[in-house]
Each structure stands twice: as structure tokens, then as C-alpha cells.
Amino acid sequence: IRCADGRGPTGESPAAFNDQEQFKIKAIQVAIIDIYQQRLSELRFNALYQVAHHLIQNGCALQLYKKIREIFHALLDLWFQNKLMPCPDEVFLDTVKTLWDEHYHAANLVSKLVMRLDKSEKLKFQDQSEGQDKGPVKVEQGEAAPPPKAERDDMRSKMSVIELGVQVFGELFTSTAIDKCRKLMLSVVDCERSGEAAPNRNKLKGLTEMMVKIGLEGVYVPCLETSYLDEARAFYTVEAAENFLAMSTVDYLRKACKRLDEEAGRVDFCLHETTAPKIKDCLEQILIRDYDKKLIDKEGTGMHA
């Protein structure tokens, strides 16, 4: 992937890679692009693993980490703009899940390519850093000097490469696709709740798991669960009022129990387990606690408060 002026997908110029380390970082960048395009051979992967290992051993870990983030963002931005956003509603949810699966698989391969970036770099210079605060660190001949303390501290605070991939996907997903995704997911729930056919029902669980992976409290709860609970509250408030007028107390309670079971099954099949107690409490309040005295006093029940 290269522009007409020779710049790569993250905007770097050829002149930026003019020494050995930068040339190797460029090789890793090209390899990551090839991973996403599914054209990196196992033999080349193994060779580039050694290149990545050399870079990390020679103090380029933070630079490599930042470059990986840039590449993730650039490639995913292209995917979202070219593959996802033009999709019609009928295939939008499928496409979101496909892009997520492909990205997660590719990010996992990238993580393996730069494995030592995750496994050792955060702790690699721990002993030296303790000594460096007190005085100069002795460096053996042929051994790379440790990076500056600020850079070491920055590196130790970084998430793993696969976590970085999840974070970047989440940033783009929430900024470009979350509104449409939520609308389509909740339309499936609404169809099913109303007794209509919901052909996309099987896709919801995978998308929910994706959102939870990106962030349970940061994405799933505010971007999907809150709207799900709000729509359920609005739907059952209207239904409860209609059923109370049209049904006997016994029939009303049977219907309420059926609705509680349906929503519990819906959460189990389509949403996340943490939503279960919330929807249960919501429905018990709307269907039962708000009507308990009225149901007892209703004519024909044989009961009185």
C-alpha cells in the first residue's frame, strides 16, 4: 500500500528510514500490511521475527510499538471507510463481525511476530533502571545500552500488542459505526419481542462479545445495554397497561412470567450475562410491582388488599 509520492499508509516518507534500525522497522511495517492482506509466508514470518527481536534488543521497542499502533489505525481506517460504511443494512452486522474476526486474527499474528515486545520489554531493564537512578549502568561490550528512564517507564505502561489492536479497533468502531450497529441490533431484538421473524438473531451474540472485548463498561454498557434497557422499559410499560385492562389477573401474571422468561433467554442468547439481573429487575418493576395492588383489587380476582 503506497501513495503516488512514495509515502506509506501511515504517511511516513522514504527519507525517514535512513539507518539500519529504521530500515528494519520499515520491514516490520510491510510485514504487518502483508499479514492483513494474508500474503506473509511462514518462512518470511520467521525471518522477520528475528528482525523484530533484534530491534527490541537494541532499544527500539517503544518506536516499534508506536509504529504498530499507527499501522493498525491506518489499515483499520481503510477497512471501515471502504468495506464497512458503504454496506447496506442487510449485510452491515455481518460485515462488522467479519472485519472484527479478521482484524483480531491479524493482530494476534502481529503479536506473535513481535512477541518479545510483550513478553520481556516491560521488565527487561528493571534491574538496570534501579541502578541507573543511583548512578551510571555498566554496559558489557556488544550489549545495547538501556534506553532512557522515561522511555522505559513509558514502555512498561503499554498494553500488549493484541490489547492495542483491540483498542484501536474500538476507537474506530465507536467513532464511525456504533450508532448504526446499535440501531440494527436493537431492531432485531424489537422484531423478536414483537413476535416477528428475526433472521439476524444468531449474529447478535458475536457482536456483543466483540463489544465486551473492546470494553464492558466503556462500550457494551453505554453503547448497547443502556439502549436495550430503555427500549424494553418503554415497550413493556405500554404492554403492561394494555394487558391490565384486557386480561384477568391470572392471565396477566401468566403473560408477565412468560415475558420475564423470554427476556432472560434473549439476554442469554444475544447479550451479556451482566445484563440479566438488570432486565429482570426492570421487568419485575414494570410488570409486577407497579401493578401488584391493582391486580389484587381488580374485580373478579376474589382477593382484596
C-alpha atoms as a PDB file:
ATOM      1  CA  ILE A   1       0.000   0.000   0.000  1.00  0.00           C
ATOM      2  CA  ARG A   2       1.769   3.161  -1.143  1.00  0.00           C
ATOM      3  CA  CYS A   3       0.774   6.591  -2.350  1.00  0.00           C
ATOM      4  CA  ALA A   4       1.976   8.166  -5.588  1.00  0.00           C
ATOM      5  CA  ASP A   5       4.569  10.275  -3.736  1.00  0.00           C
ATOM      6  CA  GLY A   6       6.123   7.186  -2.176  1.00  0.00           C
ATOM      7  CA  ARG A   7       4.576   7.589   1.247  1.00  0.00           C
ATOM      8  CA  GLY A   8       3.252   4.554   3.073  1.00  0.00           C
ATOM      9  CA  PRO A   9      -0.213   4.081   4.602  1.00  0.00           C
ATOM     10  CA  THR A  10       0.801   5.857   7.815  1.00  0.00           C
ATOM     11  CA  GLY A  11       2.212   8.887   5.977  1.00  0.00           C
ATOM     12  CA  GLU A  12       5.928   8.322   6.528  1.00  0.00           C
ATOM     13  CA  SER A  13       8.370   9.443   3.845  1.00  0.00           C
ATOM     14  CA  PRO A  14      11.133   7.213   2.456  1.00  0.00           C
ATOM     15  CA  ALA A  15      13.698   9.639   3.885  1.00  0.00           C
ATOM     16  CA  ALA A  16      12.512   8.802   7.395  1.00  0.00           C
ATOM     17  CA  PHE A  17      14.075   5.352   7.074  1.00  0.00           C
ATOM     18  CA  ASN A  18      17.737   6.096   6.507  1.00  0.00           C
ATOM     19  CA  ASP A  19      19.543   3.951   9.062  1.00  0.00           C
ATOM     20  CA  GLN A  20      19.631   0.275   9.880  1.00  0.00           C
ATOM     21  CA  GLU A  21      17.062   0.306  12.682  1.00  0.00           C
ATOM     22  CA  GLN A  22      14.591   2.383  10.703  1.00  0.00           C
ATOM     23  CA  PHE A  23      15.032   0.089   7.729  1.00  0.00           C
ATOM     24  CA  LYS A  24      14.166  -2.887   9.933  1.00  0.00           C
ATOM     25  CA  ILE A  25      11.133  -1.104  11.353  1.00  0.00           C
ATOM     26  CA  LYS A  26      10.062  -0.482   7.766  1.00  0.00           C
ATOM     27  CA  ALA A  27      10.411  -4.207   7.078  1.00  0.00           C
ATOM     28  CA  ILE A  28       8.162  -4.966  10.057  1.00  0.00           C
ATOM     29  CA  GLN A  29       5.647  -2.396   8.811  1.00  0.00           C
ATOM     30  CA  VAL A  30       5.485  -4.044   5.384  1.00  0.00           C
ATOM     31  CA  ALA A  31       5.144  -7.437   7.071  1.00  0.00           C
ATOM     32  CA  ILE A  32       2.159  -6.242   9.119  1.00  0.00           C
ATOM     33  CA  ILE A  33       0.472  -4.972   5.964  1.00  0.00           C
ATOM     34  CA  ASP A  34       1.113  -8.356   4.352  1.00  0.00           C
ATOM     35  CA  ILE A  35      -0.382 -10.106   7.387  1.00  0.00           C
ATOM     36  CA  TYR A  36      -3.573  -8.097   6.954  1.00  0.00           C
ATOM     37  CA  GLN A  37      -3.610  -8.937   3.267  1.00  0.00           C
ATOM     38  CA  GLN A  38      -2.945 -12.619   4.090  1.00  0.00           C
ATOM     39  CA  ARG A  39       0.173 -12.895   1.979  1.00  0.00           C
ATOM     40  CA  LEU A  40       3.012 -13.315   4.506  1.00  0.00           C
ATOM     41  CA  SER A  41       4.740 -16.688   4.142  1.00  0.00           C
ATOM     42  CA  GLU A  42       5.822 -18.720   7.153  1.00  0.00           C
ATOM     43  CA  LEU A  43       9.475 -18.551   6.067  1.00  0.00           C
ATOM     44  CA  ARG A  44       9.386 -14.767   5.820  1.00  0.00           C
ATOM     45  CA  PHE A  45       7.496 -14.553   9.104  1.00  0.00           C
ATOM     46  CA  ASN A  46      10.276 -16.452  10.885  1.00  0.00           C
ATOM     47  CA  ALA A  47      12.952 -14.218   9.373  1.00  0.00           C
ATOM     48  CA  LEU A  48      11.087 -11.071  10.386  1.00  0.00           C
ATOM     49  CA  TYR A  49      10.638 -12.429  13.893  1.00  0.00           C
ATOM     50  CA  GLN A  50      14.419 -12.304  14.215  1.00  0.00           C
ATOM     51  CA  VAL A  51      14.423  -8.750  12.862  1.00  0.00           C
ATOM     52  CA  ALA A  52      11.853  -7.703  15.463  1.00  0.00           C
ATOM     53  CA  HIS A  53      13.862  -9.429  18.184  1.00  0.00           C
ATOM     54  CA  HIS A  54      16.981  -7.521  17.119  1.00  0.00           C
ATOM     55  CA  LEU A  55      15.128  -4.196  17.180  1.00  0.00           C
ATOM     56  CA  ILE A  56      13.812  -4.801  20.678  1.00  0.00           C
ATOM     57  CA  GLN A  57      17.214  -5.907  21.939  1.00  0.00           C
ATOM     58  CA  ASN A  58      18.733  -2.714  20.540  1.00  0.00           C
ATOM     59  CA  GLY A  59      16.420  -0.272  22.277  1.00  0.00           C
ATOM     60  CA  CYS A  60      13.834   0.329  19.544  1.00  0.00           C
ATOM     61  CA  ALA A  61      10.893  -1.215  21.396  1.00  0.00           C
ATOM     62  CA  LEU A  62       8.944   1.981  22.019  1.00  0.00           C
ATOM     63  CA  GLN A  63       9.491   3.208  18.471  1.00  0.00           C
ATOM     64  CA  LEU A  64       8.313  -0.153  17.128  1.00  0.00           C
ATOM     65  CA  TYR A  65       5.297  -0.138  19.446  1.00  0.00           C
ATOM     66  CA  LYS A  66       4.228   3.310  18.239  1.00  0.00           C
ATOM     67  CA  LYS A  67       4.676   2.266  14.620  1.00  0.00           C
ATOM     68  CA  ILE A  68       2.475  -0.791  15.160  1.00  0.00           C
ATOM     69  CA  ARG A  69      -0.256   1.443  16.550  1.00  0.00           C
ATOM     70  CA  GLU A  70      -0.013   3.739  13.528  1.00  0.00           C
ATOM     71  CA  ILE A  71      -0.291   0.801  11.149  1.00  0.00           C
ATOM     72  CA  PHE A  72      -3.252  -0.708  12.992  1.00  0.00           C
ATOM     73  CA  HIS A  73      -5.066   2.617  12.812  1.00  0.00           C
ATOM     74  CA  ALA A  74      -4.246   3.257   9.151  1.00  0.00           C
ATOM     75  CA  LEU A  75      -5.292  -0.197   7.957  1.00  0.00           C
ATOM     76  CA  LEU A  76      -8.465  -0.328  10.038  1.00  0.00           C
ATOM     77  CA  ASP A  77      -9.450   3.153   8.919  1.00  0.00           C
ATOM     78  CA  LEU A  78      -9.231   1.959   5.310  1.00  0.00           C
ATOM     79  CA  TRP A  79     -11.307  -1.108   6.161  1.00  0.00           C
ATOM     80  CA  PHE A  80     -14.001   0.902   7.901  1.00  0.00           C
ATOM     81  CA  GLN A  81     -14.245   3.521   5.172  1.00  0.00           C
ATOM     82  CA  ASN A  82     -14.034   1.166   2.189  1.00  0.00           C
ATOM     83  CA  LYS A  83     -15.503  -2.127   3.400  1.00  0.00           C
ATOM     84  CA  LEU A  84     -17.934  -1.313   6.205  1.00  0.00           C
ATOM     85  CA  MET A  85     -19.568   2.085   5.941  1.00  0.00           C
ATOM     86  CA  PRO A  86     -20.799   1.642   2.328  1.00  0.00           C
ATOM     87  CA  CYS A  87     -22.560  -1.622   3.295  1.00  0.00           C
ATOM     88  CA  PRO A  88     -26.366  -1.780   3.106  1.00  0.00           C
ATOM     89  CA  ASP A  89     -28.235  -2.603   6.309  1.00  0.00           C
ATOM     90  CA  GLU A  90     -28.827  -6.204   5.254  1.00  0.00           C
ATOM     91  CA  VAL A  91     -25.135  -7.113   5.477  1.00  0.00           C
ATOM     92  CA  PHE A  92     -23.827  -4.449   7.853  1.00  0.00           C
ATOM     93  CA  LEU A  93     -23.809  -6.593  11.000  1.00  0.00           C
ATOM     94  CA  ASP A  94     -22.211  -9.486   9.129  1.00  0.00           C
ATOM     95  CA  THR A  95     -19.508  -7.169   7.834  1.00  0.00           C
ATOM     96  CA  VAL A  96     -18.754  -5.734  11.280  1.00  0.00           C
ATOM     97  CA  LYS A  97     -18.268  -9.235  12.669  1.00  0.00           C
ATOM     98  CA  THR A  98     -16.154 -10.320   9.691  1.00  0.00           C
ATOM     99  CA  LEU A  99     -13.862  -7.296   9.976  1.00  0.00           C
ATOM    100  CA  TRP A 100     -13.508  -7.852  13.718  1.00  0.00           C
ATOM    101  CA  ASP A 101     -12.618 -11.526  13.263  1.00  0.00           C
ATOM    102  CA  GLU A 102     -10.096 -10.772  10.515  1.00  0.00           C
ATOM    103  CA  HIS A 103      -8.522  -7.941  12.480  1.00  0.00           C
ATOM    104  CA  TYR A 104      -8.275  -9.937  15.703  1.00  0.00           C
ATOM    105  CA  HIS A 105      -6.650 -12.827  13.845  1.00  0.00           C
ATOM    106  CA  ALA A 106      -4.190 -10.478  12.121  1.00  0.00           C
ATOM    107  CA  ALA A 107      -3.395  -8.614  15.348  1.00  0.00           C
ATOM    108  CA  ASN A 108      -2.709 -11.945  17.022  1.00  0.00           C
ATOM    109  CA  LEU A 109      -0.191 -12.788  14.281  1.00  0.00           C
ATOM    110  CA  VAL A 110       1.419  -9.369  14.688  1.00  0.00           C
ATOM    111  CA  SER A 111       1.645 -10.042  18.415  1.00  0.00           C
ATOM    112  CA  LYS A 112       3.490 -13.285  17.688  1.00  0.00           C
ATOM    113  CA  LEU A 113       5.775 -11.502  15.226  1.00  0.00           C
ATOM    114  CA  VAL A 114       6.899  -9.053  17.911  1.00  0.00           C
ATOM    115  CA  MET A 115       6.409 -11.470  20.791  1.00  0.00           C
ATOM    116  CA  ARG A 116       9.312 -10.161  22.850  1.00  0.00           C
ATOM    117  CA  LEU A 117       7.709  -6.724  22.828  1.00  0.00           C
ATOM    118  CA  ASP A 118       5.010  -8.179  25.084  1.00  0.00           C
ATOM    119  CA  LYS A 119       6.973 -10.799  26.981  1.00  0.00           C
ATOM    120  CA  SER A 120      10.175  -9.139  28.046  1.00  0.00           C
ATOM    121  CA  GLU A 121      10.478  -5.475  27.212  1.00  0.00           C
ATOM    122  CA  LYS A 122       8.401  -4.158  30.097  1.00  0.00           C
ATOM    123  CA  LEU A 123      10.710  -5.822  32.619  1.00  0.00           C
ATOM    124  CA  LYS A 124      13.897  -6.075  30.607  1.00  0.00           C
ATOM    125  CA  PHE A 125      15.662  -3.114  32.142  1.00  0.00           C
ATOM    126  CA  GLN A 126      14.142  -3.267  35.611  1.00  0.00           C
ATOM    127  CA  ASP A 127      17.395  -4.090  37.365  1.00  0.00           C
ATOM    128  CA  GLN A 128      19.354  -1.557  35.327  1.00  0.00           C
ATOM    129  CA  SER A 129      16.789   1.166  35.962  1.00  0.00           C
ATOM    130  CA  GLU A 130      17.145   0.733  39.697  1.00  0.00           C
ATOM    131  CA  GLY A 131      20.891   1.097  39.316  1.00  0.00           C
ATOM    132  CA  GLN A 132      20.639   3.924  36.809  1.00  0.00           C
ATOM    133  CA  ASP A 133      18.756   6.096  39.259  1.00  0.00           C
ATOM    134  CA  LYS A 134      21.744   5.761  41.588  1.00  0.00           C
ATOM    135  CA  GLY A 135      24.481   6.097  39.009  1.00  0.00           C
ATOM    136  CA  PRO A 136      25.752   5.000  35.576  1.00  0.00           C
ATOM    137  CA  VAL A 137      24.917   1.499  34.386  1.00  0.00           C
ATOM    138  CA  LYS A 138      27.778  -0.684  33.271  1.00  0.00           C
ATOM    139  CA  VAL A 139      27.181  -1.992  29.753  1.00  0.00           C
ATOM    140  CA  GLU A 140      29.086  -5.030  28.571  1.00  0.00           C
ATOM    141  CA  GLN A 141      30.838  -4.946  25.217  1.00  0.00           C
ATOM    142  CA  GLY A 142      28.416  -5.724  22.388  1.00  0.00           C
ATOM    143  CA  GLU A 143      25.395  -5.153  24.608  1.00  0.00           C
ATOM    144  CA  ALA A 144      22.889  -2.402  23.829  1.00  0.00           C
ATOM    145  CA  ALA A 145      22.699   0.373  26.381  1.00  0.00           C
ATOM    146  CA  PRO A 146      19.355   0.634  28.161  1.00  0.00           C
ATOM    147  CA  PRO A 147      17.022   3.340  26.866  1.00  0.00           C
ATOM    148  CA  PRO A 148      16.402   6.491  28.919  1.00  0.00           C
ATOM    149  CA  LYS A 149      14.387   6.024  32.112  1.00  0.00           C
ATOM    150  CA  ALA A 150      11.398   7.986  30.771  1.00  0.00           C
ATOM    151  CA  GLU A 151      11.235   5.712  27.737  1.00  0.00           C
ATOM    152  CA  ARG A 152      11.496   2.592  29.895  1.00  0.00           C
ATOM    153  CA  ASP A 153       8.688   3.820  32.128  1.00  0.00           C
ATOM    154  CA  ASP A 154       6.587   4.619  29.062  1.00  0.00           C
ATOM    155  CA  MET A 155       7.187   1.145  27.659  1.00  0.00           C
ATOM    156  CA  ARG A 156       6.265  -0.606  30.895  1.00  0.00           C
ATOM    157  CA  SER A 157       2.933   1.231  30.949  1.00  0.00           C
ATOM    158  CA  LYS A 158       1.938   0.000  27.485  1.00  0.00           C
ATOM    159  CA  MET A 159      -0.675  -2.663  26.893  1.00  0.00           C
ATOM    160  CA  SER A 160       0.123  -5.807  24.949  1.00  0.00           C
ATOM    161  CA  VAL A 161       0.082  -5.734  21.150  1.00  0.00           C
ATOM    162  CA  ILE A 162      -3.171  -7.707  20.942  1.00  0.00           C
ATOM    163  CA  GLU A 163      -4.756  -5.358  23.500  1.00  0.00           C
ATOM    164  CA  LEU A 164      -3.512  -2.457  21.413  1.00  0.00           C
ATOM    165  CA  GLY A 165      -5.208  -3.961  18.366  1.00  0.00           C
ATOM    166  CA  VAL A 166      -8.473  -4.274  20.282  1.00  0.00           C
ATOM    167  CA  GLN A 167      -8.199  -0.684  21.495  1.00  0.00           C
ATOM    168  CA  VAL A 168      -7.587   0.752  18.024  1.00  0.00           C
ATOM    169  CA  PHE A 169     -10.490  -1.231  16.566  1.00  0.00           C
ATOM    170  CA  GLY A 170     -12.684   0.039  19.386  1.00  0.00           C
ATOM    171  CA  GLU A 171     -11.715   3.653  18.763  1.00  0.00           C
ATOM    172  CA  LEU A 172     -12.694   3.457  15.102  1.00  0.00           C
ATOM    173  CA  PHE A 173     -15.779   1.337  15.732  1.00  0.00           C
ATOM    174  CA  THR A 174     -17.214   3.703  18.343  1.00  0.00           C
ATOM    175  CA  SER A 175     -16.444   6.794  16.277  1.00  0.00           C
ATOM    176  CA  THR A 176     -17.830   5.573  12.946  1.00  0.00           C
ATOM    177  CA  ALA A 177     -20.067   2.509  13.209  1.00  0.00           C
ATOM    178  CA  ILE A 178     -21.513   2.142  16.698  1.00  0.00           C
ATOM    179  CA  ASP A 179     -24.734   4.101  16.092  1.00  0.00           C
ATOM    180  CA  LYS A 180     -25.727   2.090  13.039  1.00  0.00           C
ATOM    181  CA  CYS A 181     -24.661  -1.167  14.665  1.00  0.00           C
ATOM    182  CA  ARG A 182     -26.727  -0.467  17.792  1.00  0.00           C
ATOM    183  CA  LYS A 183     -29.762   0.529  15.735  1.00  0.00           C
ATOM    184  CA  LEU A 184     -29.643  -2.668  13.677  1.00  0.00           C
ATOM    185  CA  MET A 185     -29.004  -4.902  16.689  1.00  0.00           C
ATOM    186  CA  LEU A 186     -31.899  -3.417  18.648  1.00  0.00           C
ATOM    187  CA  SER A 187     -34.173  -3.678  15.622  1.00  0.00           C
ATOM    188  CA  VAL A 188     -33.557  -7.441  15.687  1.00  0.00           C
ATOM    189  CA  VAL A 189     -34.485  -7.532  19.381  1.00  0.00           C
ATOM    190  CA  ASP A 190     -37.593  -5.434  18.741  1.00  0.00           C
ATOM    191  CA  CYS A 191     -38.754  -7.717  15.922  1.00  0.00           C
ATOM    192  CA  GLU A 192     -38.353 -10.790  18.079  1.00  0.00           C
ATOM    193  CA  ARG A 193     -40.040  -9.158  21.079  1.00  0.00           C
ATOM    194  CA  SER A 194     -42.999  -8.249  18.868  1.00  0.00           C
ATOM    195  CA  GLY A 195     -43.309 -11.800  17.573  1.00  0.00           C
ATOM    196  CA  GLU A 196     -41.879 -11.095  14.123  1.00  0.00           C
ATOM    197  CA  ALA A 197     -39.165 -13.065  12.337  1.00  0.00           C
ATOM    198  CA  ALA A 198     -35.649 -12.010  13.367  1.00  0.00           C
ATOM    199  CA  PRO A 199     -33.244 -13.564  10.838  1.00  0.00           C
ATOM    200  CA  ASN A 200     -30.153 -11.825  12.258  1.00  0.00           C
ATOM    201  CA  ARG A 201     -30.678 -13.081  15.811  1.00  0.00           C
ATOM    202  CA  ASN A 202     -27.763 -15.527  15.647  1.00  0.00           C
ATOM    203  CA  LYS A 203     -25.348 -12.690  14.869  1.00  0.00           C
ATOM    204  CA  LEU A 204     -26.039 -10.646  17.984  1.00  0.00           C
ATOM    205  CA  LYS A 205     -24.067 -12.754  20.454  1.00  0.00           C
ATOM    206  CA  GLY A 206     -20.856 -12.468  18.456  1.00  0.00           C
ATOM    207  CA  LEU A 207     -21.238  -8.701  18.175  1.00  0.00           C
ATOM    208  CA  THR A 208     -21.985  -8.457  21.884  1.00  0.00           C
ATOM    209  CA  GLU A 209     -18.836 -10.438  22.676  1.00  0.00           C
ATOM    210  CA  MET A 210     -16.887  -8.085  20.419  1.00  0.00           C
ATOM    211  CA  MET A 211     -18.183  -5.045  22.316  1.00  0.00           C
ATOM    212  CA  VAL A 212     -17.395  -6.650  25.664  1.00  0.00           C
ATOM    213  CA  LYS A 213     -13.875  -7.449  24.447  1.00  0.00           C
ATOM    214  CA  ILE A 214     -13.396  -3.825  23.467  1.00  0.00           C
ATOM    215  CA  GLY A 215     -14.760  -2.676  26.812  1.00  0.00           C
ATOM    216  CA  LEU A 216     -17.590  -3.917  29.023  1.00  0.00           C
ATOM    217  CA  GLU A 217     -18.119  -0.653  30.885  1.00  0.00           C
ATOM    218  CA  GLY A 218     -16.694   1.612  28.202  1.00  0.00           C
ATOM    219  CA  VAL A 219     -18.502   0.268  25.133  1.00  0.00           C
ATOM    220  CA  TYR A 220     -21.030  -2.502  25.777  1.00  0.00           C
ATOM    221  CA  VAL A 221     -22.906  -0.875  28.663  1.00  0.00           C
ATOM    222  CA  PRO A 222     -23.251   2.694  27.324  1.00  0.00           C
ATOM    223  CA  CYS A 223     -23.443   1.803  23.633  1.00  0.00           C
ATOM    224  CA  LEU A 224     -25.804  -1.189  23.706  1.00  0.00           C
ATOM    225  CA  GLU A 225     -27.071  -2.276  27.110  1.00  0.00           C
ATOM    226  CA  THR A 226     -28.435   1.127  28.150  1.00  0.00           C
ATOM    227  CA  SER A 227     -30.457   1.466  24.948  1.00  0.00           C
ATOM    228  CA  TYR A 228     -31.658  -2.132  25.236  1.00  0.00           C
ATOM    229  CA  LEU A 229     -32.967  -1.488  28.753  1.00  0.00           C
ATOM    230  CA  ASP A 230     -34.553   1.828  27.750  1.00  0.00           C
ATOM    231  CA  GLU A 231     -36.391   0.246  24.817  1.00  0.00           C
ATOM    232  CA  ALA A 232     -37.501  -2.698  26.946  1.00  0.00           C
ATOM    233  CA  ARG A 233     -38.809  -0.305  29.589  1.00  0.00           C
ATOM    234  CA  ALA A 234     -40.793   1.677  27.014  1.00  0.00           C
ATOM    235  CA  PHE A 235     -42.183  -1.439  25.299  1.00  0.00           C
ATOM    236  CA  TYR A 236     -43.310  -3.217  28.458  1.00  0.00           C
ATOM    237  CA  THR A 237     -44.764  -0.091  30.048  1.00  0.00           C
ATOM    238  CA  VAL A 238     -47.221   0.157  27.154  1.00  0.00           C
ATOM    239  CA  GLU A 239     -47.860  -3.585  27.029  1.00  0.00           C
ATOM    240  CA  ALA A 240     -48.454  -3.831  30.785  1.00  0.00           C
ATOM    241  CA  ALA A 241     -51.077  -1.075  30.676  1.00  0.00           C
ATOM    242  CA  GLU A 242     -52.877  -2.735  27.763  1.00  0.00           C
ATOM    243  CA  ASN A 243     -52.750  -6.205  29.303  1.00  0.00           C
ATOM    244  CA  PHE A 244     -54.002  -4.977  32.666  1.00  0.00           C
ATOM    245  CA  LEU A 245     -57.144  -3.608  31.034  1.00  0.00           C
ATOM    246  CA  ALA A 246     -57.710  -6.579  28.725  1.00  0.00           C
ATOM    247  CA  MET A 247     -56.776  -9.578  30.893  1.00  0.00           C
ATOM    248  CA  SER A 248     -57.802 -11.189  34.122  1.00  0.00           C
ATOM    249  CA  THR A 249     -55.299 -11.107  36.962  1.00  0.00           C
ATOM    250  CA  VAL A 250     -54.327 -14.734  36.392  1.00  0.00           C
ATOM    251  CA  ASP A 251     -53.819 -14.245  32.654  1.00  0.00           C
ATOM    252  CA  TYR A 252     -51.896 -11.030  33.268  1.00  0.00           C
ATOM    253  CA  LEU A 253     -49.496 -12.759  35.652  1.00  0.00           C
ATOM    254  CA  ARG A 254     -49.033 -15.665  33.255  1.00  0.00           C
ATOM    255  CA  LYS A 255     -48.143 -13.217  30.490  1.00  0.00           C
ATOM    256  CA  ALA A 256     -45.759 -11.349  32.798  1.00  0.00           C
ATOM    257  CA  CYS A 257     -43.953 -14.570  33.721  1.00  0.00           C
ATOM    258  CA  LYS A 258     -43.702 -15.500  30.058  1.00  0.00           C
ATOM    259  CA  ARG A 259     -42.169 -12.124  29.237  1.00  0.00           C
ATOM    260  CA  LEU A 260     -39.656 -12.479  32.065  1.00  0.00           C
ATOM    261  CA  ASP A 261     -38.592 -15.866  30.705  1.00  0.00           C
ATOM    262  CA  GLU A 262     -38.363 -14.529  27.149  1.00  0.00           C
ATOM    263  CA  GLU A 263     -36.098 -11.639  28.101  1.00  0.00           C
ATOM    264  CA  ALA A 264     -33.915 -13.908  30.233  1.00  0.00           C
ATOM    265  CA  GLY A 265     -33.481 -16.181  27.215  1.00  0.00           C
ATOM    266  CA  ARG A 266     -32.822 -13.186  24.980  1.00  0.00           C
ATOM    267  CA  VAL A 267     -30.015 -11.986  27.223  1.00  0.00           C
ATOM    268  CA  ASP A 268     -28.546 -15.481  27.352  1.00  0.00           C
ATOM    269  CA  PHE A 269     -28.630 -15.874  23.573  1.00  0.00           C
ATOM    270  CA  CYS A 270     -27.943 -12.330  22.362  1.00  0.00           C
ATOM    271  CA  LEU A 271     -26.424 -10.160  25.088  1.00  0.00           C
ATOM    272  CA  HIS A 272     -24.011 -10.353  28.023  1.00  0.00           C
ATOM    273  CA  GLU A 273     -24.674 -12.115  31.302  1.00  0.00           C
ATOM    274  CA  THR A 274     -24.252  -8.902  33.306  1.00  0.00           C
ATOM    275  CA  THR A 275     -27.440  -7.594  31.682  1.00  0.00           C
ATOM    276  CA  ALA A 276     -29.576 -10.430  33.090  1.00  0.00           C
ATOM    277  CA  PRO A 277     -30.211  -9.049  36.607  1.00  0.00           C
ATOM    278  CA  LYS A 278     -30.819  -5.564  35.202  1.00  0.00           C
ATOM    279  CA  ILE A 279     -33.539  -6.609  32.757  1.00  0.00           C
ATOM    280  CA  LYS A 280     -35.077  -8.895  35.387  1.00  0.00           C
ATOM    281  CA  ASP A 281     -35.370  -6.048  37.877  1.00  0.00           C
ATOM    282  CA  CYS A 282     -36.666  -3.706  35.162  1.00  0.00           C
ATOM    283  CA  LEU A 283     -39.456  -6.080  34.113  1.00  0.00           C
ATOM    284  CA  GLU A 284     -40.418  -7.065  37.643  1.00  0.00           C
ATOM    285  CA  GLN A 285     -40.869  -3.387  38.456  1.00  0.00           C
ATOM    286  CA  ILE A 286     -42.923  -2.587  35.349  1.00  0.00           C
ATOM    287  CA  LEU A 287     -44.991  -5.767  35.093  1.00  0.00           C
ATOM    288  CA  ILE A 288     -45.485  -6.746  38.719  1.00  0.00           C
ATOM    289  CA  ARG A 289     -44.518  -4.230  41.395  1.00  0.00           C
ATOM    290  CA  ASP A 290     -46.190  -1.309  39.614  1.00  0.00           C
ATOM    291  CA  TYR A 291     -49.441  -3.331  39.393  1.00  0.00           C
ATOM    292  CA  ASP A 292     -49.390  -5.537  42.484  1.00  0.00           C
ATOM    293  CA  LYS A 293     -52.097  -3.686  44.444  1.00  0.00           C
ATOM    294  CA  LYS A 294     -54.182  -3.041  41.318  1.00  0.00           C
ATOM    295  CA  LEU A 295     -54.063  -6.731  40.415  1.00  0.00           C
ATOM    296  CA  ILE A 296     -55.188  -7.769  43.885  1.00  0.00           C
ATOM    297  CA  ASP A 297     -58.041  -5.263  43.891  1.00  0.00           C
ATOM    298  CA  LYS A 298     -59.110  -5.996  40.333  1.00  0.00           C
ATOM    299  CA  GLU A 299     -62.701  -7.153  40.038  1.00  0.00           C
ATOM    300  CA  GLY A 300     -63.087 -10.894  39.711  1.00  0.00           C
ATOM    301  CA  THR A 301     -59.872 -11.890  41.456  1.00  0.00           C
ATOM    302  CA  GLY A 302     -61.578 -12.859  44.697  1.00  0.00           C
ATOM    303  CA  MET A 303     -58.798 -11.071  46.578  1.00  0.00           C
ATOM    304  CA  HIS A 304     -58.656  -7.744  48.371  1.00  0.00           C
ATOM    305  CA  ALA A 305     -55.718  -5.871  49.863  1.00  0.00           C
END
